[in-house]
N, C-alpha and C. Protein backbone atom coordinates (compact mmCIF):
# COMPACT_ATOMS: atom_id res chain seq x y z
N MET A 1 72.91 103.14 37.03
CA MET A 1 73.84 104.27 37.12
C MET A 1 73.06 105.57 37.17
N THR A 2 73.51 106.48 38.01
CA THR A 2 72.92 107.81 38.12
C THR A 2 73.97 108.85 37.75
N VAL A 3 73.60 109.79 36.89
CA VAL A 3 74.51 110.86 36.50
C VAL A 3 73.78 112.19 36.73
N VAL A 4 74.37 113.04 37.56
CA VAL A 4 73.77 114.33 37.91
C VAL A 4 74.77 115.44 37.64
N ALA A 5 74.30 116.52 37.03
CA ALA A 5 75.16 117.66 36.72
C ALA A 5 74.57 118.95 37.27
N CYS A 6 75.44 119.90 37.51
CA CYS A 6 75.06 121.27 37.85
C CYS A 6 75.70 122.17 36.82
N ALA A 7 74.91 122.99 36.15
CA ALA A 7 75.44 123.77 35.03
C ALA A 7 75.40 125.28 35.26
N ASP A 8 74.95 125.72 36.42
CA ASP A 8 74.88 127.17 36.64
C ASP A 8 75.57 127.56 37.94
N GLY A 9 76.66 126.85 38.25
CA GLY A 9 77.38 127.11 39.49
C GLY A 9 78.02 128.48 39.55
N THR A 10 78.18 129.13 38.38
CA THR A 10 78.76 130.47 38.38
C THR A 10 77.85 131.49 39.05
N THR A 11 76.58 131.11 39.30
CA THR A 11 75.64 132.02 39.95
C THR A 11 75.74 131.96 41.48
N VAL A 12 76.48 130.99 42.01
CA VAL A 12 76.60 130.84 43.47
C VAL A 12 77.47 131.97 44.02
N THR A 13 77.05 132.56 45.12
CA THR A 13 77.78 133.69 45.69
C THR A 13 79.12 133.25 46.28
N GLU A 14 80.03 134.20 46.40
CA GLU A 14 81.33 133.92 46.99
C GLU A 14 81.18 133.49 48.45
N ALA A 15 80.23 134.10 49.14
CA ALA A 15 80.02 133.75 50.55
C ALA A 15 79.58 132.29 50.68
N ALA A 16 78.72 131.84 49.78
CA ALA A 16 78.26 130.45 49.82
C ALA A 16 79.41 129.50 49.51
N ILE A 17 80.24 129.86 48.52
CA ILE A 17 81.39 129.02 48.17
C ILE A 17 82.31 128.87 49.38
N ASP A 18 82.62 129.97 50.03
CA ASP A 18 83.52 129.91 51.18
C ASP A 18 82.91 129.10 52.32
N ARG A 19 81.61 129.23 52.53
CA ARG A 19 80.94 128.47 53.59
C ARG A 19 81.00 126.97 53.30
N LEU A 20 80.73 126.60 52.06
CA LEU A 20 80.77 125.18 51.69
C LEU A 20 82.20 124.64 51.73
N ALA A 21 83.16 125.48 51.36
CA ALA A 21 84.56 125.04 51.40
C ALA A 21 84.96 124.67 52.82
N LEU A 22 84.55 125.47 53.78
CA LEU A 22 84.91 125.20 55.18
C LEU A 22 84.24 123.93 55.70
N GLY A 23 83.23 123.45 55.00
CA GLY A 23 82.56 122.22 55.40
C GLY A 23 83.18 120.97 54.81
N MET A 24 84.22 121.13 53.99
CA MET A 24 84.88 119.97 53.40
C MET A 24 85.86 119.35 54.40
N PRO A 25 86.23 118.07 54.20
CA PRO A 25 87.24 117.45 55.07
C PRO A 25 88.54 118.24 55.05
N ALA A 26 89.29 118.16 56.13
CA ALA A 26 90.50 118.98 56.29
C ALA A 26 91.49 118.79 55.15
N GLU A 27 91.69 117.53 54.72
CA GLU A 27 92.67 117.27 53.66
C GLU A 27 92.23 117.92 52.35
N ARG A 28 90.94 117.78 52.04
CA ARG A 28 90.45 118.38 50.80
C ARG A 28 90.46 119.91 50.89
N LEU A 29 90.15 120.44 52.07
CA LEU A 29 90.19 121.89 52.25
C LEU A 29 91.62 122.41 52.04
N LEU A 30 92.60 121.67 52.54
CA LEU A 30 93.99 122.08 52.37
C LEU A 30 94.36 122.10 50.89
N ARG A 31 93.96 121.06 50.16
CA ARG A 31 94.25 121.02 48.73
C ARG A 31 93.53 122.14 48.00
N TRP A 32 92.30 122.43 48.43
CA TRP A 32 91.50 123.49 47.79
C TRP A 32 92.18 124.85 47.96
N ARG A 33 92.73 125.10 49.12
CA ARG A 33 93.37 126.39 49.38
C ARG A 33 94.62 126.60 48.54
N ARG A 34 95.14 125.52 47.96
CA ARG A 34 96.32 125.64 47.10
C ARG A 34 95.95 125.98 45.66
N ILE A 35 94.67 125.95 45.33
CA ILE A 35 94.22 126.27 43.96
C ILE A 35 94.21 127.79 43.81
N SER A 36 95.07 128.31 42.96
CA SER A 36 95.19 129.76 42.82
C SER A 36 94.16 130.35 41.87
N HIS A 37 93.64 129.51 40.94
CA HIS A 37 92.67 130.01 39.95
C HIS A 37 91.28 129.95 40.57
N ARG A 38 90.71 131.11 40.84
CA ARG A 38 89.44 131.15 41.59
C ARG A 38 88.29 130.41 40.90
N PRO A 39 88.06 130.56 39.59
CA PRO A 39 86.97 129.80 38.97
C PRO A 39 87.12 128.28 39.15
N THR A 40 88.36 127.78 39.05
CA THR A 40 88.60 126.35 39.26
C THR A 40 88.34 125.97 40.71
N ALA A 41 88.76 126.84 41.64
CA ALA A 41 88.54 126.58 43.05
C ALA A 41 87.05 126.53 43.37
N ARG A 42 86.30 127.47 42.82
CA ARG A 42 84.84 127.50 43.03
C ARG A 42 84.21 126.19 42.55
N SER A 43 84.58 125.79 41.34
CA SER A 43 83.99 124.60 40.74
C SER A 43 84.36 123.34 41.53
N SER A 44 85.58 123.32 42.07
CA SER A 44 86.02 122.17 42.87
C SER A 44 85.14 121.99 44.11
N VAL A 45 84.81 123.09 44.76
CA VAL A 45 83.92 123.03 45.93
C VAL A 45 82.54 122.49 45.54
N LEU A 46 81.99 123.03 44.46
CA LEU A 46 80.67 122.59 44.03
C LEU A 46 80.67 121.13 43.59
N ALA A 47 81.76 120.68 42.96
CA ALA A 47 81.85 119.27 42.55
C ALA A 47 81.85 118.35 43.77
N TYR A 48 82.59 118.75 44.81
CA TYR A 48 82.61 117.94 46.04
C TYR A 48 81.21 117.83 46.63
N TRP A 49 80.52 118.96 46.74
CA TRP A 49 79.20 118.92 47.37
C TRP A 49 78.15 118.27 46.47
N LEU A 50 78.32 118.37 45.16
CA LEU A 50 77.43 117.64 44.27
C LEU A 50 77.56 116.14 44.53
N ALA A 51 78.81 115.67 44.65
CA ALA A 51 79.03 114.25 44.94
C ALA A 51 78.40 113.87 46.28
N ARG A 52 78.56 114.71 47.29
CA ARG A 52 77.98 114.43 48.60
C ARG A 52 76.45 114.32 48.52
N VAL A 53 75.83 115.24 47.79
CA VAL A 53 74.37 115.24 47.67
C VAL A 53 73.89 114.00 46.90
N VAL A 54 74.58 113.68 45.80
CA VAL A 54 74.17 112.52 44.99
C VAL A 54 74.39 111.23 45.78
N LEU A 55 75.51 111.13 46.49
CA LEU A 55 75.78 109.93 47.29
C LEU A 55 74.82 109.82 48.47
N ASP A 56 74.42 110.95 49.04
CA ASP A 56 73.44 110.94 50.12
C ASP A 56 72.13 110.32 49.64
N ARG A 57 71.73 110.67 48.43
CA ARG A 57 70.50 110.11 47.87
C ARG A 57 70.69 108.63 47.54
N ALA A 58 71.88 108.29 46.97
CA ALA A 58 72.13 106.90 46.57
C ALA A 58 72.18 105.96 47.77
N THR A 59 72.65 106.48 48.91
CA THR A 59 72.77 105.65 50.11
C THR A 59 71.61 105.85 51.07
N HIS A 60 70.56 106.55 50.58
CA HIS A 60 69.34 106.77 51.38
C HIS A 60 69.66 107.44 52.71
N GLY A 61 70.45 108.51 52.62
CA GLY A 61 70.73 109.27 53.82
C GLY A 61 71.94 108.79 54.59
N GLY A 62 72.76 107.91 53.99
CA GLY A 62 73.97 107.47 54.67
C GLY A 62 74.98 108.60 54.77
N ASP A 63 75.96 108.45 55.62
CA ASP A 63 76.96 109.49 55.82
C ASP A 63 77.97 109.43 54.69
N SER A 64 77.77 110.26 53.67
CA SER A 64 78.63 110.19 52.49
C SER A 64 80.00 110.82 52.72
N ALA A 65 80.20 111.46 53.87
CA ALA A 65 81.51 112.03 54.16
C ALA A 65 82.41 111.02 54.85
N ARG A 66 81.81 110.04 55.51
CA ARG A 66 82.59 109.06 56.25
C ARG A 66 83.32 108.14 55.28
N GLY A 67 84.61 107.99 55.47
CA GLY A 67 85.38 107.08 54.63
C GLY A 67 85.67 107.60 53.24
N TRP A 68 85.60 108.93 53.05
CA TRP A 68 85.92 109.52 51.74
C TRP A 68 87.43 109.54 51.60
N LEU A 69 87.95 108.82 50.62
CA LEU A 69 89.40 108.71 50.43
C LEU A 69 89.79 109.12 49.02
N ILE A 70 91.03 109.52 48.86
CA ILE A 70 91.63 109.75 47.55
C ILE A 70 92.73 108.71 47.39
N ASP A 71 92.61 107.83 46.38
CA ASP A 71 93.60 106.77 46.25
C ASP A 71 94.90 107.32 45.66
N GLU A 72 95.88 106.42 45.48
CA GLU A 72 97.21 106.85 45.04
C GLU A 72 97.20 107.46 43.64
N ARG A 73 96.15 107.20 42.85
CA ARG A 73 96.06 107.78 41.51
C ARG A 73 95.20 109.04 41.49
N GLY A 74 94.73 109.46 42.67
CA GLY A 74 93.94 110.68 42.75
C GLY A 74 92.45 110.47 42.55
N LYS A 75 92.00 109.21 42.52
CA LYS A 75 90.58 108.92 42.30
C LYS A 75 89.85 108.86 43.63
N PRO A 76 88.75 109.61 43.79
CA PRO A 76 88.00 109.57 45.06
C PRO A 76 87.20 108.28 45.18
N ARG A 77 87.05 107.80 46.42
CA ARG A 77 86.22 106.62 46.66
C ARG A 77 85.75 106.63 48.11
N LEU A 78 84.74 105.82 48.36
CA LEU A 78 84.25 105.63 49.72
C LEU A 78 84.74 104.29 50.25
N VAL A 79 85.11 104.25 51.52
CA VAL A 79 85.52 102.98 52.13
C VAL A 79 84.37 101.99 52.09
N ASP A 80 83.18 102.46 52.40
CA ASP A 80 82.01 101.60 52.43
C ASP A 80 80.85 102.31 51.75
N GLY A 81 80.81 102.23 50.44
CA GLY A 81 79.78 102.91 49.68
C GLY A 81 79.90 102.59 48.21
N PRO A 82 78.96 103.07 47.40
CA PRO A 82 78.98 102.73 45.97
C PRO A 82 80.11 103.44 45.23
N PRO A 83 80.62 102.82 44.16
CA PRO A 83 81.63 103.49 43.34
C PRO A 83 81.06 104.77 42.72
N PHE A 84 81.88 105.80 42.65
CA PHE A 84 81.44 107.05 42.05
C PHE A 84 82.62 107.74 41.41
N ASN A 85 82.33 108.73 40.59
CA ASN A 85 83.37 109.53 39.97
C ASN A 85 82.81 110.92 39.71
N LEU A 86 83.68 111.91 39.66
CA LEU A 86 83.23 113.27 39.40
C LEU A 86 84.18 114.00 38.48
N SER A 87 83.66 115.05 37.87
CA SER A 87 84.43 115.87 36.95
C SER A 87 83.88 117.28 37.00
N HIS A 88 84.72 118.25 36.68
CA HIS A 88 84.21 119.61 36.61
C HIS A 88 85.07 120.46 35.70
N THR A 89 84.40 121.41 35.05
CA THR A 89 85.06 122.49 34.34
C THR A 89 84.79 123.75 35.16
N LYS A 90 85.12 124.92 34.64
CA LYS A 90 84.81 126.14 35.37
C LYS A 90 83.30 126.36 35.46
N GLU A 91 82.55 125.82 34.48
CA GLU A 91 81.11 126.09 34.42
C GLU A 91 80.23 124.93 34.86
N VAL A 92 80.71 123.71 34.74
CA VAL A 92 79.87 122.52 34.94
C VAL A 92 80.52 121.57 35.93
N GLN A 93 79.69 121.00 36.80
CA GLN A 93 80.12 119.93 37.70
C GLN A 93 79.24 118.71 37.43
N VAL A 94 79.81 117.51 37.50
CA VAL A 94 79.03 116.30 37.22
C VAL A 94 79.53 115.16 38.09
N CYS A 95 78.60 114.31 38.53
CA CYS A 95 78.92 113.15 39.36
C CYS A 95 78.16 111.94 38.84
N ALA A 96 78.83 110.80 38.80
CA ALA A 96 78.21 109.53 38.41
C ALA A 96 78.36 108.53 39.54
N VAL A 97 77.29 107.81 39.84
CA VAL A 97 77.29 106.76 40.86
C VAL A 97 76.78 105.49 40.21
N SER A 98 77.46 104.37 40.47
CA SER A 98 77.09 103.12 39.83
C SER A 98 77.34 101.95 40.78
N GLY A 99 76.88 100.80 40.38
CA GLY A 99 77.12 99.60 41.18
C GLY A 99 78.50 99.02 40.98
N ARG A 100 79.17 99.45 39.91
CA ARG A 100 80.54 99.01 39.63
C ARG A 100 81.38 100.24 39.30
N GLN A 101 82.68 100.05 39.10
CA GLN A 101 83.55 101.19 38.83
C GLN A 101 83.06 101.98 37.61
N VAL A 102 83.09 103.29 37.73
CA VAL A 102 82.54 104.15 36.69
C VAL A 102 83.47 105.34 36.49
N GLY A 103 83.51 105.86 35.26
CA GLY A 103 84.27 107.07 34.97
C GLY A 103 83.35 108.11 34.37
N ILE A 104 83.61 109.37 34.65
CA ILE A 104 82.78 110.46 34.10
C ILE A 104 83.70 111.61 33.72
N ASP A 105 83.37 112.29 32.63
CA ASP A 105 84.15 113.46 32.25
C ASP A 105 83.25 114.51 31.63
N ALA A 106 83.53 115.77 31.94
CA ALA A 106 82.84 116.91 31.35
C ALA A 106 83.88 117.76 30.64
N GLU A 107 83.60 118.13 29.40
CA GLU A 107 84.54 118.95 28.64
C GLU A 107 83.77 120.01 27.86
N ARG A 108 84.25 121.24 27.95
CA ARG A 108 83.68 122.33 27.14
C ARG A 108 84.24 122.21 25.73
N VAL A 109 83.38 122.33 24.73
CA VAL A 109 83.82 122.22 23.34
C VAL A 109 84.87 123.30 23.07
N ASP A 110 86.02 122.85 22.53
CA ASP A 110 87.18 123.73 22.39
C ASP A 110 87.95 123.36 21.14
N GLU A 111 88.30 124.35 20.35
CA GLU A 111 89.07 124.12 19.12
C GLU A 111 90.39 123.42 19.41
N ARG A 112 90.97 123.67 20.58
CA ARG A 112 92.27 123.08 20.91
C ARG A 112 92.20 121.57 21.06
N ALA A 113 90.99 121.03 21.23
CA ALA A 113 90.84 119.58 21.38
C ALA A 113 91.26 118.84 20.11
N VAL A 114 91.15 119.51 18.96
CA VAL A 114 91.50 118.86 17.69
C VAL A 114 92.97 118.45 17.71
N GLU A 115 93.85 119.36 18.09
CA GLU A 115 95.28 119.04 18.15
C GLU A 115 95.59 118.12 19.33
N ALA A 116 94.93 118.36 20.47
CA ALA A 116 95.18 117.53 21.65
C ALA A 116 94.84 116.07 21.37
N CYS A 117 93.79 115.83 20.61
CA CYS A 117 93.36 114.46 20.36
C CYS A 117 94.33 113.70 19.46
N ARG A 118 95.17 114.39 18.74
CA ARG A 118 96.13 113.68 17.88
C ARG A 118 97.11 112.85 18.70
N VAL A 119 97.25 113.19 19.97
CA VAL A 119 98.16 112.46 20.84
C VAL A 119 97.51 111.18 21.37
N ILE A 120 96.20 111.20 21.58
CA ILE A 120 95.52 110.07 22.21
C ILE A 120 94.54 109.35 21.29
N ALA A 121 94.48 109.74 20.02
CA ALA A 121 93.53 109.14 19.08
C ALA A 121 94.23 108.13 18.18
N THR A 122 93.48 107.10 17.78
CA THR A 122 93.98 106.17 16.80
C THR A 122 93.91 106.83 15.41
N GLU A 123 94.50 106.19 14.43
CA GLU A 123 94.47 106.74 13.08
C GLU A 123 93.03 106.87 12.59
N ARG A 124 92.20 105.86 12.87
CA ARG A 124 90.80 105.93 12.43
C ARG A 124 90.07 107.07 13.13
N GLU A 125 90.30 107.22 14.45
CA GLU A 125 89.63 108.28 15.20
C GLU A 125 90.05 109.66 14.68
N ARG A 126 91.33 109.82 14.34
CA ARG A 126 91.79 111.10 13.79
C ARG A 126 91.11 111.38 12.45
N GLY A 127 90.90 110.31 11.67
CA GLY A 127 90.20 110.48 10.40
C GLY A 127 88.77 110.92 10.58
N VAL A 128 88.10 110.39 11.61
CA VAL A 128 86.72 110.78 11.90
C VAL A 128 86.65 112.26 12.26
N ILE A 129 87.60 112.72 13.07
CA ILE A 129 87.63 114.14 13.46
C ILE A 129 87.88 115.02 12.24
N ASP A 130 88.85 114.65 11.42
CA ASP A 130 89.20 115.46 10.25
C ASP A 130 88.04 115.54 9.26
N ALA A 131 87.24 114.48 9.18
CA ALA A 131 86.13 114.45 8.22
C ALA A 131 84.86 115.08 8.78
N SER A 132 84.86 115.41 10.05
CA SER A 132 83.66 115.95 10.68
C SER A 132 83.37 117.37 10.22
N ALA A 133 82.09 117.70 10.12
CA ALA A 133 81.70 119.07 9.79
C ALA A 133 82.02 120.01 10.94
N GLU A 134 82.13 119.47 12.14
CA GLU A 134 82.46 120.25 13.34
C GLU A 134 83.59 119.54 14.07
N PRO A 135 84.83 119.70 13.60
CA PRO A 135 85.97 118.97 14.18
C PRO A 135 86.15 119.22 15.68
N ALA A 136 85.94 120.45 16.14
CA ALA A 136 86.11 120.74 17.57
C ALA A 136 85.10 119.97 18.40
N ASP A 137 83.89 119.87 17.91
CA ASP A 137 82.86 119.13 18.63
C ASP A 137 83.21 117.64 18.69
N ALA A 138 83.61 117.09 17.55
CA ALA A 138 83.95 115.66 17.48
C ALA A 138 85.17 115.36 18.34
N ALA A 139 86.17 116.24 18.33
CA ALA A 139 87.38 116.02 19.11
C ALA A 139 87.11 116.12 20.61
N THR A 140 86.27 117.08 21.00
CA THR A 140 85.93 117.22 22.42
C THR A 140 85.19 116.00 22.92
N LEU A 141 84.27 115.49 22.11
CA LEU A 141 83.54 114.28 22.49
C LEU A 141 84.50 113.10 22.65
N LEU A 142 85.42 112.94 21.71
CA LEU A 142 86.38 111.83 21.80
C LEU A 142 87.25 111.99 23.04
N TRP A 143 87.72 113.20 23.30
CA TRP A 143 88.56 113.43 24.48
C TRP A 143 87.81 113.04 25.75
N ALA A 144 86.54 113.43 25.84
CA ALA A 144 85.74 113.09 27.03
C ALA A 144 85.55 111.58 27.15
N MET A 145 85.40 110.89 26.01
CA MET A 145 85.28 109.44 26.03
C MET A 145 86.57 108.81 26.56
N LYS A 146 87.71 109.27 26.04
CA LYS A 146 89.00 108.72 26.48
C LYS A 146 89.22 108.98 27.97
N GLU A 147 88.89 110.20 28.42
CA GLU A 147 89.04 110.55 29.83
C GLU A 147 88.18 109.66 30.72
N SER A 148 86.91 109.49 30.35
CA SER A 148 86.00 108.69 31.19
C SER A 148 86.44 107.23 31.21
N PHE A 149 86.95 106.73 30.07
CA PHE A 149 87.45 105.36 29.99
C PHE A 149 88.65 105.19 30.93
N ALA A 150 89.56 106.17 30.90
CA ALA A 150 90.74 106.11 31.76
C ALA A 150 90.38 106.26 33.23
N LYS A 151 89.40 107.12 33.51
CA LYS A 151 89.02 107.36 34.90
C LYS A 151 88.29 106.16 35.49
N ARG A 152 87.59 105.41 34.66
CA ARG A 152 86.94 104.20 35.18
C ARG A 152 87.98 103.23 35.71
N SER A 153 89.07 103.07 34.98
CA SER A 153 90.12 102.14 35.40
C SER A 153 91.02 102.74 36.47
N GLY A 154 91.07 104.08 36.51
CA GLY A 154 91.97 104.75 37.45
C GLY A 154 93.40 104.85 36.94
N GLU A 155 93.63 104.44 35.70
CA GLU A 155 94.99 104.43 35.16
C GLU A 155 95.43 105.78 34.62
N GLY A 156 94.47 106.64 34.26
CA GLY A 156 94.82 107.92 33.67
C GLY A 156 95.15 107.77 32.19
N LEU A 157 95.25 108.91 31.49
CA LEU A 157 95.57 108.88 30.07
C LEU A 157 96.99 108.34 29.88
N SER A 158 97.16 107.46 28.91
CA SER A 158 98.46 106.82 28.70
C SER A 158 98.67 106.56 27.22
N GLU A 159 99.89 106.16 26.89
CA GLU A 159 100.19 105.83 25.50
C GLU A 159 99.33 104.66 25.02
N GLU A 160 99.04 103.72 25.94
CA GLU A 160 98.22 102.57 25.56
C GLU A 160 96.84 103.00 25.10
N LEU A 161 96.31 104.07 25.72
CA LEU A 161 94.99 104.55 25.35
C LEU A 161 94.97 105.07 23.92
N ALA A 162 96.11 105.57 23.45
CA ALA A 162 96.19 106.08 22.08
C ALA A 162 96.00 104.96 21.05
N SER A 163 96.25 103.73 21.45
CA SER A 163 96.07 102.61 20.54
C SER A 163 94.73 101.90 20.76
N THR A 164 93.92 102.41 21.68
CA THR A 164 92.61 101.84 21.96
C THR A 164 91.56 102.62 21.20
N ASP A 165 90.94 102.00 20.20
CA ASP A 165 89.93 102.67 19.37
C ASP A 165 88.57 102.52 20.04
N LEU A 166 88.02 103.65 20.50
CA LEU A 166 86.75 103.60 21.23
C LEU A 166 85.55 103.47 20.30
N GLY A 167 85.80 103.48 19.00
CA GLY A 167 84.72 103.22 18.05
C GLY A 167 84.51 101.74 17.81
N GLU A 168 85.43 100.91 18.31
CA GLU A 168 85.33 99.46 18.18
C GLU A 168 84.69 98.88 19.44
N PRO A 169 84.01 97.72 19.31
CA PRO A 169 83.43 97.10 20.51
C PRO A 169 84.51 96.77 21.53
N LEU A 170 84.30 97.17 22.77
CA LEU A 170 85.25 96.90 23.85
C LEU A 170 84.58 96.00 24.88
N SER A 171 85.32 95.04 25.38
CA SER A 171 84.78 94.09 26.34
C SER A 171 84.30 94.80 27.61
N ASP A 172 83.06 94.52 28.01
CA ASP A 172 82.50 94.98 29.27
C ASP A 172 82.58 96.50 29.42
N THR A 173 82.32 97.21 28.33
CA THR A 173 82.42 98.67 28.36
C THR A 173 81.21 99.28 27.66
N ARG A 174 80.64 100.30 28.29
CA ARG A 174 79.53 101.02 27.68
C ARG A 174 79.70 102.52 27.94
N PHE A 175 79.53 103.31 26.88
CA PHE A 175 79.58 104.76 27.00
C PHE A 175 78.18 105.34 26.87
N GLU A 176 77.94 106.41 27.60
CA GLU A 176 76.74 107.22 27.38
C GLU A 176 77.18 108.67 27.32
N SER A 177 76.56 109.45 26.45
CA SER A 177 76.98 110.84 26.31
C SER A 177 75.79 111.77 26.28
N TRP A 178 76.02 112.98 26.74
CA TRP A 178 74.98 114.01 26.76
C TRP A 178 75.61 115.34 26.37
N ARG A 179 74.84 116.16 25.68
CA ARG A 179 75.28 117.52 25.35
C ARG A 179 74.54 118.47 26.29
N LEU A 180 75.27 119.18 27.11
CA LEU A 180 74.70 120.13 28.06
C LEU A 180 75.28 121.50 27.73
N ARG A 181 74.44 122.34 27.11
CA ARG A 181 74.90 123.65 26.65
C ARG A 181 76.11 123.46 25.74
N ASP A 182 77.25 124.06 26.07
CA ASP A 182 78.43 123.94 25.19
C ASP A 182 79.40 122.89 25.71
N HIS A 183 78.90 121.92 26.47
CA HIS A 183 79.74 120.87 27.05
C HIS A 183 79.31 119.49 26.56
N TRP A 184 80.28 118.59 26.46
CA TRP A 184 80.00 117.17 26.35
C TRP A 184 80.24 116.53 27.71
N ILE A 185 79.31 115.68 28.12
CA ILE A 185 79.46 114.87 29.32
C ILE A 185 79.39 113.42 28.91
N VAL A 186 80.40 112.63 29.29
CA VAL A 186 80.46 111.22 28.89
C VAL A 186 80.72 110.36 30.11
N SER A 187 79.94 109.29 30.24
CA SER A 187 80.18 108.30 31.29
C SER A 187 80.69 107.02 30.67
N CYS A 188 81.53 106.31 31.40
CA CYS A 188 82.02 104.99 30.98
C CYS A 188 81.69 104.01 32.09
N ASP A 189 80.82 103.07 31.78
CA ASP A 189 80.33 102.11 32.76
C ASP A 189 80.60 100.71 32.22
N HIS A 190 80.09 99.71 32.91
CA HIS A 190 80.26 98.33 32.49
C HIS A 190 78.98 97.82 31.81
N GLU A 191 79.13 96.97 30.83
CA GLU A 191 77.98 96.29 30.25
C GLU A 191 77.27 95.52 31.34
N GLY A 192 75.95 95.57 31.31
CA GLY A 192 75.18 94.84 32.31
C GLY A 192 74.85 95.66 33.53
N SER A 193 75.54 96.79 33.73
CA SER A 193 75.19 97.67 34.84
C SER A 193 73.85 98.32 34.55
N GLU A 194 73.13 98.65 35.60
CA GLU A 194 71.83 99.28 35.41
C GLU A 194 72.02 100.64 34.74
N SER A 195 71.39 100.83 33.60
CA SER A 195 71.55 102.07 32.85
C SER A 195 70.54 103.11 33.31
N HIS A 196 71.00 104.33 33.46
CA HIS A 196 70.08 105.41 33.80
C HIS A 196 69.55 106.05 32.54
N GLY A 197 70.44 106.36 31.62
CA GLY A 197 70.03 106.85 30.31
C GLY A 197 69.78 108.33 30.22
N ASP A 198 69.46 108.98 31.33
CA ASP A 198 69.20 110.41 31.32
C ASP A 198 70.21 111.13 32.20
N LEU A 199 70.49 112.35 31.84
CA LEU A 199 71.33 113.21 32.67
C LEU A 199 70.41 114.07 33.53
N GLU A 200 70.57 113.99 34.83
CA GLU A 200 69.76 114.80 35.74
C GLU A 200 70.49 116.11 36.00
N VAL A 201 69.76 117.19 35.95
CA VAL A 201 70.35 118.51 36.11
C VAL A 201 69.84 119.15 37.39
N LEU A 202 70.76 119.47 38.28
CA LEU A 202 70.43 120.05 39.57
C LEU A 202 70.79 121.53 39.57
N PRO A 203 69.81 122.42 39.71
CA PRO A 203 70.12 123.86 39.75
C PRO A 203 71.06 124.19 40.90
N ALA A 204 71.93 125.17 40.69
CA ALA A 204 72.91 125.52 41.70
C ALA A 204 72.27 125.91 43.03
N ALA A 205 71.14 126.61 42.96
CA ALA A 205 70.47 127.01 44.20
C ALA A 205 70.05 125.79 45.01
N ASP A 206 69.55 124.76 44.32
CA ASP A 206 69.15 123.53 45.01
C ASP A 206 70.37 122.78 45.54
N LEU A 207 71.47 122.83 44.79
CA LEU A 207 72.70 122.18 45.26
C LEU A 207 73.19 122.83 46.55
N VAL A 208 73.19 124.15 46.60
CA VAL A 208 73.63 124.85 47.80
C VAL A 208 72.70 124.54 48.97
N SER A 209 71.39 124.54 48.73
CA SER A 209 70.43 124.24 49.80
C SER A 209 70.62 122.83 50.34
N ALA A 210 70.78 121.86 49.44
CA ALA A 210 70.97 120.47 49.87
C ALA A 210 72.29 120.30 50.61
N SER A 211 73.33 121.03 50.16
CA SER A 211 74.63 120.97 50.83
C SER A 211 74.53 121.53 52.23
N ASP A 212 73.79 122.63 52.39
CA ASP A 212 73.61 123.22 53.71
C ASP A 212 72.87 122.26 54.64
N VAL A 213 71.92 121.51 54.07
CA VAL A 213 71.21 120.50 54.88
C VAL A 213 72.18 119.45 55.39
N LEU A 214 73.07 118.98 54.50
CA LEU A 214 74.06 117.99 54.92
C LEU A 214 75.02 118.57 55.95
N LEU A 215 75.40 119.82 55.77
CA LEU A 215 76.28 120.48 56.73
C LEU A 215 75.65 120.56 58.12
N SER A 216 74.33 120.70 58.13
CA SER A 216 73.63 120.80 59.41
C SER A 216 73.48 119.45 60.10
N GLY A 217 73.81 118.38 59.37
CA GLY A 217 73.70 117.04 59.95
C GLY A 217 72.37 116.37 59.69
N ALA A 218 71.48 117.06 58.97
CA ALA A 218 70.18 116.47 58.65
C ALA A 218 70.30 115.64 57.38
N VAL A 219 69.22 114.97 57.01
CA VAL A 219 69.20 114.17 55.79
C VAL A 219 68.65 115.03 54.67
N GLY A 220 69.40 115.14 53.58
CA GLY A 220 68.97 115.96 52.47
C GLY A 220 67.97 115.23 51.59
N GLY A 221 67.58 115.88 50.50
CA GLY A 221 66.65 115.25 49.57
C GLY A 221 66.16 116.23 48.54
N VAL A 222 66.74 116.20 47.34
CA VAL A 222 66.29 117.04 46.25
C VAL A 222 66.16 116.17 45.02
N GLU A 223 65.22 116.50 44.19
CA GLU A 223 65.01 115.74 42.96
C GLU A 223 65.38 116.63 41.77
N PRO A 224 66.47 116.31 41.07
CA PRO A 224 66.88 117.13 39.93
C PRO A 224 65.91 117.01 38.77
N ALA A 225 65.98 118.02 37.88
CA ALA A 225 65.27 117.91 36.62
C ALA A 225 66.02 116.93 35.73
N VAL A 226 65.39 116.47 34.66
CA VAL A 226 66.01 115.47 33.80
C VAL A 226 66.20 116.03 32.40
N LEU A 227 67.42 115.89 31.89
CA LEU A 227 67.72 116.27 30.51
C LEU A 227 67.60 115.01 29.67
N ALA A 228 66.49 114.87 29.00
CA ALA A 228 66.22 113.64 28.25
C ALA A 228 66.55 113.84 26.77
N GLY A 229 66.43 112.76 26.02
CA GLY A 229 66.58 112.83 24.59
C GLY A 229 68.01 112.95 24.10
N GLN A 230 68.96 112.62 24.95
CA GLN A 230 70.35 112.66 24.52
C GLN A 230 70.77 111.31 23.96
N ARG A 231 71.88 111.33 23.23
CA ARG A 231 72.24 110.13 22.51
C ARG A 231 73.14 109.21 23.34
N THR A 232 73.09 107.94 23.05
CA THR A 232 73.95 106.95 23.67
C THR A 232 74.93 106.45 22.63
N LEU A 233 76.19 106.41 22.99
CA LEU A 233 77.22 105.96 22.04
C LEU A 233 77.25 104.45 21.99
């Protein structure tokens, strides 16, 4: 599994965002134009191109735009390519590519996660949050775990997930987590899948350059830095 993030997308110019937006598929461009919140719209463009760059590397220069579909649950996939998933906040974009279905979520640590998690947490999980020295941090991490678990299956957050305790061993499930600045990033993969273990961090300038290469029809190629020493759940 490969997990790559971009954490300084706010430095990308408006002109570059608009140029990259026009390079997206027509359907995605149409959806993008409906996003009224500009920071979210910016991040959506960067998340798309991050996925394109990461998939280009994973497929050794294959056409990562060909066969890009959004299924009935809103999950992106390739008709003929490796399973992948992406997530973004206003500040961070992240993409995971694996040999089997994978989920990824990025969440900025937020006090509101404590109350939000009461809806999707088991009694034991709520107790862990309440007993934590940093409840917002613990709740944000749990929320990201639940999101990535749901995104792997494509089912979305549901009442059933509220009864699923992610602190207990789950069949064929493995989580990995990383702290990137004030964000938690969590992947949900399958046991036995090749583990990457590190979060690769791609500077926004390199992401834009690699995206421009793909737009030109050439084969891209950038090597992100690695954020090592993070914990595995």
